[in-house]
Amino acid sequence: MDKIILKQMQFYGYHGLFPEENKLGQRFQVDLELFSDLQKAGQTDDMNDSIHYGQAYERVQRIVEGKAKKLIESVAEDIAMDLLQAFAGLQACRVRLIKPDAPIPGQLESVAVEIYREK
């Protein structure tokens, strides 16, 4: 399956279980894999035959920087469902939502969830 990949999109949001996270906010990173048949787009050179990744970025930004959620699982689910509904040619998507500054005592690079959803 062909795919369009958007990596390391950076946003600032207010998701988390703790009041400090909802008040102060923190960084979030999103990686997307958008699964679609890209052969026709490659042949026609027409955006109507592909997935507009600029629009996908804007949709993800609106969700991550929008209404606060308790769980990053919920944010990832919102992203996947929104993209699948928005783009007719999108057959499936993989969303990885990374929380680099999770409030966990100890040393770690990040916490992340990754989901795969299809039509």
Protein backbone atom coordinates (compact mmCIF):
# COMPACT_ATOMS: atom_id res chain seq x y z
CA MET A 1 0.00 0.00 0.00
CA ASP A 2 1.25 3.46 -0.92
CA LYS A 3 1.50 6.07 1.81
CA ILE A 4 2.19 9.71 2.50
CA ILE A 5 4.30 10.30 5.60
CA LEU A 6 4.34 13.40 7.79
CA LYS A 7 7.02 13.17 10.48
CA GLN A 8 7.77 15.15 13.60
CA MET A 9 4.97 17.69 13.36
CA GLN A 10 5.34 19.90 16.43
CA PHE A 11 2.43 21.40 18.36
CA TYR A 12 1.64 22.87 21.77
CA GLY A 13 -1.40 21.53 23.58
CA TYR A 14 -3.04 21.15 26.98
CA HIS A 15 -3.72 17.42 27.20
CA GLY A 16 -3.09 15.39 30.34
CA LEU A 17 -4.49 14.08 33.58
CA PHE A 18 -2.88 16.66 35.83
CA PRO A 19 -4.22 20.21 36.31
CA GLU A 20 -0.75 21.62 35.61
CA GLU A 21 -0.75 20.03 32.16
CA ASN A 22 -4.15 21.53 31.38
CA LYS A 23 -3.08 24.97 32.61
CA LEU A 24 0.53 25.25 31.42
CA GLY A 25 0.41 22.99 28.37
CA GLN A 26 3.31 21.17 26.78
CA ARG A 27 4.86 20.07 23.51
CA PHE A 28 3.39 17.28 21.42
CA GLN A 29 4.82 15.62 18.35
CA VAL A 30 2.79 13.75 15.74
CA ASP A 31 3.88 11.32 13.04
CA LEU A 32 1.35 10.28 10.38
CA GLU A 33 1.22 7.59 7.75
CA LEU A 34 -1.64 8.12 5.32
CA PHE A 35 -2.38 5.00 3.28
CA SER A 36 -3.86 5.61 -0.16
CA ASP A 37 -3.44 4.41 -3.73
CA LEU A 38 -1.08 7.04 -5.14
CA GLN A 39 -0.61 5.53 -8.59
CA LYS A 40 -3.21 7.71 -10.31
CA ALA A 41 -1.78 10.86 -8.69
CA GLY A 42 1.67 9.87 -9.90
CA GLN A 43 0.34 9.46 -13.43
CA THR A 44 -1.94 12.51 -13.62
CA ASP A 45 0.09 14.95 -11.48
CA ASP A 46 -3.28 16.13 -10.12
CA MET A 47 -3.79 16.89 -6.42
CA ASN A 48 -7.38 15.68 -6.67
CA ASP A 49 -5.97 12.17 -7.08
CA SER A 50 -3.93 12.33 -3.87
CA ILE A 51 -4.16 13.39 -0.21
CA HIS A 52 -3.37 17.08 0.39
CA TYR A 53 -0.79 16.82 3.17
CA GLY A 54 -0.97 20.54 3.92
CA GLN A 55 -4.63 20.12 4.76
CA ALA A 56 -3.84 17.00 6.81
CA TYR A 57 -1.29 19.02 8.81
CA GLU A 58 -3.84 21.76 9.49
CA ARG A 59 -6.44 19.22 10.66
CA VAL A 60 -3.97 17.62 13.07
CA GLN A 61 -2.90 21.04 14.35
CA ARG A 62 -6.52 22.02 15.04
CA ILE A 63 -7.05 18.88 17.12
CA VAL A 64 -3.77 18.89 19.07
CA GLU A 65 -3.95 22.61 19.79
CA GLY A 66 -7.70 22.46 20.44
CA LYS A 67 -9.86 21.17 23.27
CA ALA A 68 -7.89 19.53 26.07
CA LYS A 69 -8.24 15.78 26.59
CA LYS A 70 -7.14 13.68 29.55
CA LEU A 71 -5.55 10.92 27.45
CA ILE A 72 -3.28 11.10 24.44
CA GLU A 73 -5.06 7.94 23.29
CA SER A 74 -8.17 10.06 22.86
CA VAL A 75 -6.29 12.76 20.94
CA ALA A 76 -4.81 10.14 18.59
CA GLU A 77 -8.26 8.64 18.02
CA ASP A 78 -9.71 12.06 17.20
CA ILE A 79 -6.93 12.64 14.66
CA ALA A 80 -7.44 9.28 12.96
CA MET A 81 -11.22 9.59 12.74
CA ASP A 82 -11.07 13.17 11.49
CA LEU A 83 -8.61 12.32 8.72
CA LEU A 84 -10.49 9.22 7.61
CA GLN A 85 -13.70 11.25 7.32
CA ALA A 86 -12.06 14.24 5.63
CA PHE A 87 -10.25 12.52 2.76
CA ALA A 88 -12.22 10.24 0.45
CA GLY A 89 -9.09 8.59 -0.95
CA LEU A 90 -7.62 7.81 2.46
CA GLN A 91 -7.96 4.09 3.13
CA ALA A 92 -6.15 3.88 6.47
CA CYS A 93 -3.89 5.89 8.73
CA ARG A 94 -1.32 5.34 11.43
CA VAL A 95 -1.05 8.05 14.08
CA ARG A 96 1.81 8.25 16.54
CA LEU A 97 1.30 10.91 19.21
CA ILE A 98 4.40 11.64 21.25
CA LYS A 99 4.52 13.46 24.56
CA PRO A 100 8.19 14.41 25.03
CA ASP A 101 7.75 16.08 28.43
CA ALA A 102 5.40 13.65 30.18
CA PRO A 103 5.31 14.33 33.93
CA ILE A 104 6.88 11.04 34.99
CA PRO A 105 9.54 10.89 37.69
CA GLY A 106 12.67 9.44 36.13
CA GLN A 107 14.58 9.63 32.89
CA LEU A 108 12.90 8.87 29.59
CA GLU A 109 12.93 10.33 26.11
CA SER A 110 9.17 10.42 25.63
CA VAL A 111 5.85 8.65 26.02
CA ALA A 112 3.82 7.84 22.92
CA VAL A 113 0.78 6.04 21.63
CA GLU A 114 0.43 4.67 18.13
CA ILE A 115 -2.84 3.62 16.56
CA TYR A 116 -3.81 2.25 13.16
CA ARG A 117 -7.32 2.79 11.81
CA GLU A 118 -8.87 1.98 8.46
CA LYS A 119 -12.16 2.58 6.69
